[in-house]
C-alpha atoms as a PDB file:
ATOM      1  CA  UNK A   1     112.385  26.155 212.135  1.00  0.00           C
ATOM      2  CA  UNK A   2     109.781  23.334 213.009  1.00  0.00           C
ATOM      3  CA  UNK A   3     107.689  25.639 210.623  1.00  0.00           C
ATOM      4  CA  UNK A   4     110.095  25.588 207.931  1.00  0.00           C
ATOM      5  CA  UNK A   5     110.793  22.253 207.916  1.00  0.00           C
ATOM      6  CA  UNK A   6     107.127  21.400 207.510  1.00  0.00           C
ATOM      7  CA  UNK A   7     106.059  24.119 204.989  1.00  0.00           C
ATOM      8  CA  UNK A   8     106.154  21.299 202.573  1.00  0.00           C
ATOM      9  CA  UNK A   9     104.982  17.999 203.749  1.00  0.00           C
ATOM     10  CA  UNK A  10     105.295  16.748 200.220  1.00  0.00           C
ATOM     11  CA  UNK A  11     109.110  17.759 199.955  1.00  0.00           C
ATOM     12  CA  UNK A  12     109.984  15.865 203.052  1.00  0.00           C
ATOM     13  CA  UNK A  13     111.090  12.482 203.583  1.00  0.00           C
ATOM     14  CA  UNK A  14     112.783  11.988 206.768  1.00  0.00           C
ATOM     15  CA  UNK A  15     110.517  12.584 209.552  1.00  0.00           C
ATOM     16  CA  UNK A  16     110.364  15.629 212.339  1.00  0.00           C
ATOM     17  CA  UNK A  17     111.780  13.447 215.818  1.00  0.00           C
ATOM     18  CA  UNK A  18     110.712  14.401 219.069  1.00  0.00           C
ATOM     19  CA  UNK A  19     112.478  11.989 221.898  1.00  0.00           C
ATOM     20  CA  UNK A  20     110.465  10.842 224.624  1.00  0.00           C
ATOM     21  CA  UNK A  21     113.139  10.355 227.304  1.00  0.00           C
ATOM     22  CA  UNK A  22     112.335  14.083 228.148  1.00  0.00           C
ATOM     23  CA  UNK A  23     109.381  16.750 227.815  1.00  0.00           C
ATOM     24  CA  UNK A  24     108.289  18.520 225.052  1.00  0.00           C
ATOM     25  CA  UNK A  25     105.969  20.930 223.328  1.00  0.00           C
ATOM     26  CA  UNK A  26     105.166  21.767 220.278  1.00  0.00           C
ATOM     27  CA  UNK A  27     102.628  23.388 217.460  1.00  0.00           C
ATOM     28  CA  UNK A  28     102.807  21.807 213.801  1.00  0.00           C
ATOM     29  CA  UNK A  29     100.291  22.441 210.730  1.00  0.00           C
ATOM     30  CA  UNK A  30      98.502  19.855 209.795  1.00  0.00           C
ATOM     31  CA  UNK A  31      99.141  20.475 206.179  1.00  0.00           C
ATOM     32  CA  UNK A  32     101.250  22.556 203.959  1.00  0.00           C
ATOM     33  CA  UNK A  33      99.593  26.108 203.141  1.00  0.00           C
ATOM     34  CA  UNK A  34      96.851  25.496 206.005  1.00  0.00           C
ATOM     35  CA  UNK A  35      96.206  27.375 209.044  1.00  0.00           C
ATOM     36  CA  UNK A  36      95.140  24.718 210.961  1.00  0.00           C
ATOM     37  CA  UNK A  37      97.590  23.402 213.791  1.00  0.00           C
ATOM     38  CA  UNK A  38      98.461  20.884 215.910  1.00  0.00           C
ATOM     39  CA  UNK A  39     100.122  20.693 219.510  1.00  0.00           C
ATOM     40  CA  UNK A  40     101.291  17.659 220.436  1.00  0.00           C
ATOM     41  CA  UNK A  41     103.354  17.511 223.935  1.00  0.00           C
ATOM     42  CA  UNK A  42     104.603  14.827 226.782  1.00  0.00           C
ATOM     43  CA  UNK A  43     104.867  15.802 230.352  1.00  0.00           C
ATOM     44  CA  UNK A  44     107.769  14.865 232.820  1.00  0.00           C
ATOM     45  CA  UNK A  45     107.941  10.951 233.465  1.00  0.00           C
ATOM     46  CA  UNK A  46     104.385  10.552 231.583  1.00  0.00           C
ATOM     47  CA  UNK A  47     103.396   7.968 229.471  1.00  0.00           C
ATOM     48  CA  UNK A  48     100.583   9.443 227.820  1.00  0.00           C
ATOM     49  CA  UNK A  49     101.416  11.846 224.457  1.00  0.00           C
ATOM     50  CA  UNK A  50      98.750  14.946 224.295  1.00  0.00           C
ATOM     51  CA  UNK A  51      97.463  15.825 221.140  1.00  0.00           C
ATOM     52  CA  UNK A  52      95.111  19.065 221.393  1.00  0.00           C
ATOM     53  CA  UNK A  53      93.683  19.997 217.863  1.00  0.00           C
ATOM     54  CA  UNK A  54      91.119  22.914 218.491  1.00  0.00           C
ATOM     55  CA  UNK A  55      88.669  22.730 221.346  1.00  0.00           C
ATOM     56  CA  UNK A  56      89.490  18.721 221.518  1.00  0.00           C
ATOM     57  CA  UNK A  57      92.687  16.544 223.213  1.00  0.00           C
ATOM     58  CA  UNK A  58      93.731  13.220 222.544  1.00  0.00           C
ATOM     59  CA  UNK A  59      96.128  11.006 224.316  1.00  0.00           C
ATOM     60  CA  UNK A  60      97.970   8.650 223.170  1.00  0.00           C
ATOM     61  CA  UNK A  61     100.198   6.252 225.028  1.00  0.00           C
ATOM     62  CA  UNK A  62     103.508   6.087 224.709  1.00  0.00           C
ATOM     63  CA  UNK A  63     105.068   2.635 225.272  1.00  0.00           C
ATOM     64  CA  UNK A  64     108.726   2.888 225.662  1.00  0.00           C
ATOM     65  CA  UNK A  65     108.909   4.882 228.410  1.00  0.00           C
ATOM     66  CA  UNK A  66     108.765   2.597 230.935  1.00  0.00           C
ATOM     67  CA  UNK A  67     110.790  -0.730 229.024  1.00  0.00           C
ATOM     68  CA  UNK A  68     114.280   0.320 230.264  1.00  0.00           C
ATOM     69  CA  UNK A  69     115.753   1.369 227.019  1.00  0.00           C
ATOM     70  CA  UNK A  70     118.035   3.911 226.307  1.00  0.00           C
ATOM     71  CA  UNK A  71     117.233   6.117 223.954  1.00  0.00           C
ATOM     72  CA  UNK A  72     113.757   5.169 224.418  1.00  0.00           C
ATOM     73  CA  UNK A  73     112.279   6.098 221.109  1.00  0.00           C
ATOM     74  CA  UNK A  74     110.924   9.168 219.812  1.00  0.00           C
ATOM     75  CA  UNK A  75     107.112  10.335 218.503  1.00  0.00           C
ATOM     76  CA  UNK A  76     107.422  10.607 214.982  1.00  0.00           C
ATOM     77  CA  UNK A  77     105.113  13.761 212.732  1.00  0.00           C
ATOM     78  CA  UNK A  78     105.367  13.316 209.048  1.00  0.00           C
ATOM     79  CA  UNK A  79     102.540  12.205 206.276  1.00  0.00           C
ATOM     80  CA  UNK A  80     103.239   8.691 206.486  1.00  0.00           C
ATOM     81  CA  UNK A  81     100.284   7.781 204.436  1.00  0.00           C
ATOM     82  CA  UNK A  82     100.652  10.878 201.589  1.00  0.00           C
ATOM     83  CA  UNK A  83      96.814  11.992 201.867  1.00  0.00           C
ATOM     84  CA  UNK A  84      98.836  15.700 202.299  1.00  0.00           C
ATOM     85  CA  UNK A  85      97.991  15.653 206.069  1.00  0.00           C
ATOM     86  CA  UNK A  86     100.116  15.426 208.978  1.00  0.00           C
ATOM     87  CA  UNK A  87     100.519  11.978 210.790  1.00  0.00           C
ATOM     88  CA  UNK A  88     102.114  10.475 214.105  1.00  0.00           C
ATOM     89  CA  UNK A  89     104.097   7.651 214.962  1.00  0.00           C
ATOM     90  CA  UNK A  90     103.813   6.889 218.391  1.00  0.00           C
ATOM     91  CA  UNK A  91     106.862   4.237 219.976  1.00  0.00           C
ATOM     92  CA  UNK A  92     105.025   1.195 221.563  1.00  0.00           C
ATOM     93  CA  UNK A  93     107.860  -1.227 222.104  1.00  0.00           C
ATOM     94  CA  UNK A  94     111.986  -1.670 221.537  1.00  0.00           C
ATOM     95  CA  UNK A  95     113.808  -4.959 220.459  1.00  0.00           C
ATOM     96  CA  UNK A  96     116.731  -6.219 219.561  1.00  0.00           C
ATOM     97  CA  UNK A  97     118.410  -4.676 222.298  1.00  0.00           C
ATOM     98  CA  UNK A  98     117.349  -1.517 220.885  1.00  0.00           C
ATOM     99  CA  UNK A  99     117.434  -1.841 217.493  1.00  0.00           C
ATOM    100  CA  UNK A 100     113.774  -2.814 216.575  1.00  0.00           C
ATOM    101  CA  UNK A 101     111.451   0.194 217.457  1.00  0.00           C
ATOM    102  CA  UNK A 102     107.752  -0.681 217.060  1.00  0.00           C
ATOM    103  CA  UNK A 103     105.318   2.172 216.290  1.00  0.00           C
ATOM    104  CA  UNK A 104     101.382   3.003 216.209  1.00  0.00           C
ATOM    105  CA  UNK A 105     100.819   5.184 213.642  1.00  0.00           C
ATOM    106  CA  UNK A 106      97.698   7.805 213.881  1.00  0.00           C
ATOM    107  CA  UNK A 107      96.563   9.174 210.331  1.00  0.00           C
ATOM    108  CA  UNK A 108      94.813  12.310 210.515  1.00  0.00           C
ATOM    109  CA  UNK A 109      91.551  12.026 209.619  1.00  0.00           C
ATOM    110  CA  UNK A 110      89.580  14.831 208.058  1.00  0.00           C
ATOM    111  CA  UNK A 111      86.153  13.686 208.834  1.00  0.00           C
ATOM    112  CA  UNK A 112      86.530  12.936 212.357  1.00  0.00           C
ATOM    113  CA  UNK A 113      89.185  15.650 212.562  1.00  0.00           C
ATOM    114  CA  UNK A 114      91.348  13.189 214.933  1.00  0.00           C
ATOM    115  CA  UNK A 115      94.103  11.212 214.834  1.00  0.00           C
ATOM    116  CA  UNK A 116      93.243   7.482 214.266  1.00  0.00           C
ATOM    117  CA  UNK A 117      94.961   4.192 214.163  1.00  0.00           C
ATOM    118  CA  UNK A 118      96.559   3.310 211.210  1.00  0.00           C
ATOM    119  CA  UNK A 119      95.741  -0.522 210.890  1.00  0.00           C
ATOM    120  CA  UNK A 120      98.911  -2.264 209.219  1.00  0.00           C
ATOM    121  CA  UNK A 121      98.572  -5.896 207.526  1.00  0.00           C
ATOM    122  CA  UNK A 122     101.576  -7.339 208.652  1.00  0.00           C
ATOM    123  CA  UNK A 123     103.230  -9.632 211.190  1.00  0.00           C
ATOM    124  CA  UNK A 124     103.741  -7.236 213.891  1.00  0.00           C
ATOM    125  CA  UNK A 125     100.545  -6.986 216.248  1.00  0.00           C
ATOM    126  CA  UNK A 126      99.494  -4.117 214.493  1.00  0.00           C
ATOM    127  CA  UNK A 127     102.819  -1.874 214.709  1.00  0.00           C
ATOM    128  CA  UNK A 128     105.480  -0.936 212.039  1.00  0.00           C
ATOM    129  CA  UNK A 129     108.876  -1.655 212.874  1.00  0.00           C
ATOM    130  CA  UNK A 130     111.345   1.043 212.357  1.00  0.00           C
ATOM    131  CA  UNK A 131     108.774   3.263 209.959  1.00  0.00           C
ATOM    132  CA  UNK A 132     110.366   5.499 207.155  1.00  0.00           C
ATOM    133  CA  UNK A 133     109.181   7.531 204.434  1.00  0.00           C
ATOM    134  CA  UNK A 134     109.815   7.018 200.995  1.00  0.00           C
ATOM    135  CA  UNK A 135     108.758  10.067 198.757  1.00  0.00           C
ATOM    136  CA  UNK A 136     109.705   8.656 195.259  1.00  0.00           C
ATOM    137  CA  UNK A 137     107.712   5.294 196.091  1.00  0.00           C
ATOM    138  CA  UNK A 138     104.743   6.620 197.799  1.00  0.00           C
ATOM    139  CA  UNK A 139     105.457   3.754 200.223  1.00  0.00           C
ATOM    140  CA  UNK A 140     105.933   3.289 203.869  1.00  0.00           C
ATOM    141  CA  UNK A 141     109.267   1.302 204.557  1.00  0.00           C
ATOM    142  CA  UNK A 142     109.748  -0.950 207.402  1.00  0.00           C
ATOM    143  CA  UNK A 143     113.035  -2.815 208.016  1.00  0.00           C
ATOM    144  CA  UNK A 144     113.082  -5.327 211.236  1.00  0.00           C
ATOM    145  CA  UNK A 145     116.076  -6.754 212.707  1.00  0.00           C
ATOM    146  CA  UNK A 146     115.494 -11.262 213.073  1.00  0.00           C
ATOM    147  CA  UNK A 147     118.361 -13.027 214.261  1.00  0.00           C
ATOM    148  CA  UNK A 148     121.412 -12.371 212.041  1.00  0.00           C
ATOM    149  CA  UNK A 149     119.299 -10.701 209.200  1.00  0.00           C
ATOM    150  CA  UNK A 150     116.760  -8.554 208.578  1.00  0.00           C
ATOM    151  CA  UNK A 151     113.175  -8.603 207.017  1.00  0.00           C
ATOM    152  CA  UNK A 152     111.751  -5.775 204.950  1.00  0.00           C
ATOM    153  CA  UNK A 153     107.834  -4.740 204.614  1.00  0.00           C
ATOM    154  CA  UNK A 154     107.218  -2.408 202.873  1.00  0.00           C
ATOM    155  CA  UNK A 155     103.267  -0.722 202.315  1.00  0.00           C
ATOM    156  CA  UNK A 156     101.762   1.388 199.891  1.00  0.00           C
ATOM    157  CA  UNK A 157      98.298   3.167 200.050  1.00  0.00           C
ATOM    158  CA  UNK A 158      94.691   3.356 198.632  1.00  0.00           C
ATOM    159  CA  UNK A 159      91.983   6.021 200.258  1.00  0.00           C
ATOM    160  CA  UNK A 160      94.768   6.163 202.736  1.00  0.00           C
ATOM    161  CA  UNK A 161      94.625   2.973 203.839  1.00  0.00           C
ATOM    162  CA  UNK A 162      97.894   0.361 203.673  1.00  0.00           C
ATOM    163  CA  UNK A 163      98.572  -2.708 202.031  1.00  0.00           C
ATOM    164  CA  UNK A 164     101.532  -4.875 201.562  1.00  0.00           C
ATOM    165  CA  UNK A 165     103.443  -3.655 198.742  1.00  0.00           C
ATOM    166  CA  UNK A 166     106.953  -5.947 198.953  1.00  0.00           C
ATOM    167  CA  UNK A 167     108.433  -7.945 201.315  1.00  0.00           C
ATOM    168  CA  UNK A 168     112.191  -9.025 201.393  1.00  0.00           C
ATOM    169  CA  UNK A 169     114.178 -10.896 203.266  1.00  0.00           C
ATOM    170  CA  UNK A 170     118.132 -10.974 203.699  1.00  0.00           C
ATOM    171  CA  UNK A 171     119.945 -14.720 202.927  1.00  0.00           C
ATOM    172  CA  UNK A 172     123.456 -15.835 202.583  1.00  0.00           C
ATOM    173  CA  UNK A 173     125.149 -15.959 199.295  1.00  0.00           C
ATOM    174  CA  UNK A 174     128.459 -17.952 199.302  1.00  0.00           C
ATOM    175  CA  UNK A 175     130.521 -18.521 197.165  1.00  0.00           C
ATOM    176  CA  UNK A 176     130.863 -15.581 194.743  1.00  0.00           C
ATOM    177  CA  UNK A 177     132.507 -13.120 197.062  1.00  0.00           C
ATOM    178  CA  UNK A 178     133.358 -12.946 200.836  1.00  0.00           C
ATOM    179  CA  UNK A 179     130.725 -11.783 203.133  1.00  0.00           C
ATOM    180  CA  UNK A 180     128.117 -12.078 200.186  1.00  0.00           C
ATOM    181  CA  UNK A 181     124.489 -11.757 200.601  1.00  0.00           C
ATOM    182  CA  UNK A 182     121.525 -11.228 198.468  1.00  0.00           C
ATOM    183  CA  UNK A 183     117.884 -10.156 198.924  1.00  0.00           C
ATOM    184  CA  UNK A 184     115.009 -12.488 198.041  1.00  0.00           C
ATOM    185  CA  UNK A 185     111.810 -10.201 197.422  1.00  0.00           C
ATOM    186  CA  UNK A 186     108.542 -10.377 196.489  1.00  0.00           C
ATOM    187  CA  UNK A 187     105.855  -7.697 194.734  1.00  0.00           C
ATOM    188  CA  UNK A 188     102.568  -7.676 195.855  1.00  0.00           C
ATOM    189  CA  UNK A 189      99.408  -6.111 194.641  1.00  0.00           C
ATOM    190  CA  UNK A 190      96.782  -4.130 196.473  1.00  0.00           C
ATOM    191  CA  UNK A 191      94.611  -8.068 196.822  1.00  0.00           C
ATOM    192  CA  UNK A 192      97.532  -9.765 198.257  1.00  0.00           C
ATOM    193  CA  UNK A 193      98.750 -11.638 195.020  1.00  0.00           C
ATOM    194  CA  UNK A 194     102.772 -12.092 194.117  1.00  0.00           C
ATOM    195  CA  UNK A 195     103.361  -9.908 190.960  1.00  0.00           C
ATOM    196  CA  UNK A 196     107.103 -10.594 191.036  1.00  0.00           C
ATOM    197  CA  UNK A 197     109.678 -12.828 192.924  1.00  0.00           C
ATOM    198  CA  UNK A 198     113.060 -11.557 192.708  1.00  0.00           C
ATOM    199  CA  UNK A 199     116.430 -11.822 193.678  1.00  0.00           C
ATOM    200  CA  UNK A 200     118.200  -8.661 194.325  1.00  0.00           C
ATOM    201  CA  UNK A 201     121.023  -6.568 195.954  1.00  0.00           C
ATOM    202  CA  UNK A 202     118.835  -4.527 197.823  1.00  0.00           C
ATOM    203  CA  UNK A 203     115.621  -4.957 198.900  1.00  0.00           C
ATOM    204  CA  UNK A 204     114.589  -1.901 197.453  1.00  0.00           C
ATOM    205  CA  UNK A 205     116.233  -1.866 194.423  1.00  0.00           C
ATOM    206  CA  UNK A 206     113.529  -3.962 191.170  1.00  0.00           C
ATOM    207  CA  UNK A 207     117.377  -5.111 189.291  1.00  0.00           C
ATOM    208  CA  UNK A 208     118.140  -8.816 189.572  1.00  0.00           C
ATOM    209  CA  UNK A 209     121.558  -9.602 191.126  1.00  0.00           C
ATOM    210  CA  UNK A 210     124.242 -11.220 189.091  1.00  0.00           C
ATOM    211  CA  UNK A 211     128.019 -12.555 190.238  1.00  0.00           C
ATOM    212  CA  UNK A 212     130.781 -13.768 188.565  1.00  0.00           C
ATOM    213  CA  UNK A 213     132.320 -17.176 188.760  1.00  0.00           C
ATOM    214  CA  UNK A 214     135.353 -16.931 191.100  1.00  0.00           C
ATOM    215  CA  UNK A 215     135.771 -20.819 190.679  1.00  0.00           C
ATOM    216  CA  UNK A 216     138.239 -22.236 188.334  1.00  0.00           C
ATOM    217  CA  UNK A 217     135.222 -24.475 187.129  1.00  0.00           C
ATOM    218  CA  UNK A 218     131.637 -24.597 188.687  1.00  0.00           C
ATOM    219  CA  UNK A 219     129.587 -27.662 187.806  1.00  0.00           C
ATOM    220  CA  UNK A 220     126.229 -27.350 186.338  1.00  0.00           C
ATOM    221  CA  UNK A 221     123.071 -29.704 187.985  1.00  0.00           C
ATOM    222  CA  UNK A 222     119.678 -29.682 187.058  1.00  0.00           C
ATOM    223  CA  UNK A 223     118.574 -29.466 190.485  1.00  0.00           C
ATOM    224  CA  UNK A 224     119.849 -29.108 194.093  1.00  0.00           C
ATOM    225  CA  UNK A 225     121.501 -32.231 194.351  1.00  0.00           C
ATOM    226  CA  UNK A 226     125.142 -33.768 194.374  1.00  0.00           C
ATOM    227  CA  UNK A 227     123.448 -37.105 193.417  1.00  0.00           C
ATOM    228  CA  UNK A 228     122.139 -35.075 189.983  1.00  0.00           C
ATOM    229  CA  UNK A 229     124.690 -36.054 187.321  1.00  0.00           C
ATOM    230  CA  UNK A 230     126.049 -32.159 186.189  1.00  0.00           C
ATOM    231  CA  UNK A 231     125.652 -31.396 182.518  1.00  0.00           C
ATOM    232  CA  UNK A 232     127.963 -28.983 181.996  1.00  0.00           C
ATOM    233  CA  UNK A 233     130.383 -26.400 183.922  1.00  0.00           C
ATOM    234  CA  UNK A 234     131.057 -22.692 183.718  1.00  0.00           C
ATOM    235  CA  UNK A 235     134.674 -21.062 184.355  1.00  0.00           C
ATOM    236  CA  UNK A 236     136.091 -18.360 186.485  1.00  0.00           C
ATOM    237  CA  UNK A 237     135.065 -15.064 185.186  1.00  0.00           C
ATOM    238  CA  UNK A 238     131.565 -16.030 183.466  1.00  0.00           C
ATOM    239  CA  UNK A 239     128.454 -14.157 184.655  1.00  0.00           C
ATOM    240  CA  UNK A 240     125.486 -15.269 186.061  1.00  0.00           C
ATOM    241  CA  UNK A 241     122.177 -13.817 187.225  1.00  0.00           C
ATOM    242  CA  UNK A 242     121.012 -15.012 190.628  1.00  0.00           C
ATOM    243  CA  UNK A 243     117.160 -16.141 190.438  1.00  0.00           C
ATOM    244  CA  UNK A 244     116.987 -18.532 193.541  1.00  0.00           C
ATOM    245  CA  UNK A 245     118.873 -19.487 196.595  1.00  0.00           C
ATOM    246  CA  UNK A 246     117.664 -23.128 198.278  1.00  0.00           C
ATOM    247  CA  UNK A 247     116.071 -21.962 201.665  1.00  0.00           C
ATOM    248  CA  UNK A 248     117.813 -25.637 202.795  1.00  0.00           C
ATOM    249  CA  UNK A 249     120.678 -25.502 202.268  1.00  0.00           C
ATOM    250  CA  UNK A 250     122.215 -21.989 201.408  1.00  0.00           C
ATOM    251  CA  UNK A 251     124.974 -23.725 199.615  1.00  0.00           C
ATOM    252  CA  UNK A 252     122.814 -24.213 196.381  1.00  0.00           C
ATOM    253  CA  UNK A 253     122.264 -21.012 194.199  1.00  0.00           C
ATOM    254  CA  UNK A 254     120.001 -21.544 191.191  1.00  0.00           C
ATOM    255  CA  UNK A 255     121.239 -18.988 188.074  1.00  0.00           C
ATOM    256  CA  UNK A 256     121.202 -18.097 184.444  1.00  0.00           C
ATOM    257  CA  UNK A 257     124.119 -18.029 182.391  1.00  0.00           C
ATOM    258  CA  UNK A 258     123.896 -16.406 178.682  1.00  0.00           C
ATOM    259  CA  UNK A 259     125.596 -19.020 176.579  1.00  0.00           C
ATOM    260  CA  UNK A 260     126.739 -18.048 173.024  1.00  0.00           C
ATOM    261  CA  UNK A 261     125.940 -21.146 171.739  1.00  0.00           C
ATOM    262  CA  UNK A 262     122.826 -22.934 173.787  1.00  0.00           C
ATOM    263  CA  UNK A 263     121.337 -18.964 174.692  1.00  0.00           C
ATOM    264  CA  UNK A 264     119.933 -18.668 178.368  1.00  0.00           C
ATOM    265  CA  UNK A 265     121.188 -21.659 180.837  1.00  0.00           C
ATOM    266  CA  UNK A 266     119.022 -22.353 183.962  1.00  0.00           C
ATOM    267  CA  UNK A 267     120.906 -24.428 186.588  1.00  0.00           C
ATOM    268  CA  UNK A 268     121.838 -25.073 190.241  1.00  0.00           C
ATOM    269  CA  UNK A 269     125.171 -24.763 191.224  1.00  0.00           C
ATOM    270  CA  UNK A 270     126.992 -26.121 194.300  1.00  0.00           C
ATOM    271  CA  UNK A 271     128.674 -23.533 196.072  1.00  0.00           C
ATOM    272  CA  UNK A 272     131.121 -24.906 198.674  1.00  0.00           C
END
């Protein structure tokens, strides 16, 4: 069954999972169509994952075995960096009562014929939080619960090495509909430069968020302050594009409205 699932690493998006709260031993192909295999095993009560390839054995530390959380996570096996070779992710820590699992990812290096630590350009001490694989984007996706919200950091690869490709933060958006949320998303190039900023309903969607005005009148302000004089208003049923949420006061939202008479209008609205 395992061999069948991995027969096309380029197709599978969901990693194979091997829970570390029980011993296991399995053999996996290093890539689709290859006879070369790797054996991974974890002995009962051990915190060292044994990785055996030909005559060489590596030992990778599993950090969650002794942290007291249940479940303790799982070793993940999939091509994380889209180079066609099997990679391994080892759980290192658990946070937020078992919501966040932090992994070290080891990619297969063809030159050394071994698994090497994938250095992550991110905020979690060289670890990936809740990693997932997106084949359509050829991206490694991560998300991490922080307070009442989630932060997202996604990576693409050049030559098998990751760079930060997209970040997104969840923010409340009161005033349009009940329990409303929006995401502040930034896209980066391989040099770390922001190439696009948008506010959307899904952290992995490039379409901007829009809302329908629910108030009888929603006044338009040139800046996010009630001291500023409003210059116009929207009415119930008007559709607006969300451009920004004020980080210091979520009740202020920058919107764009397409007026028949004046064209595109960009203003701030105050949403109690």
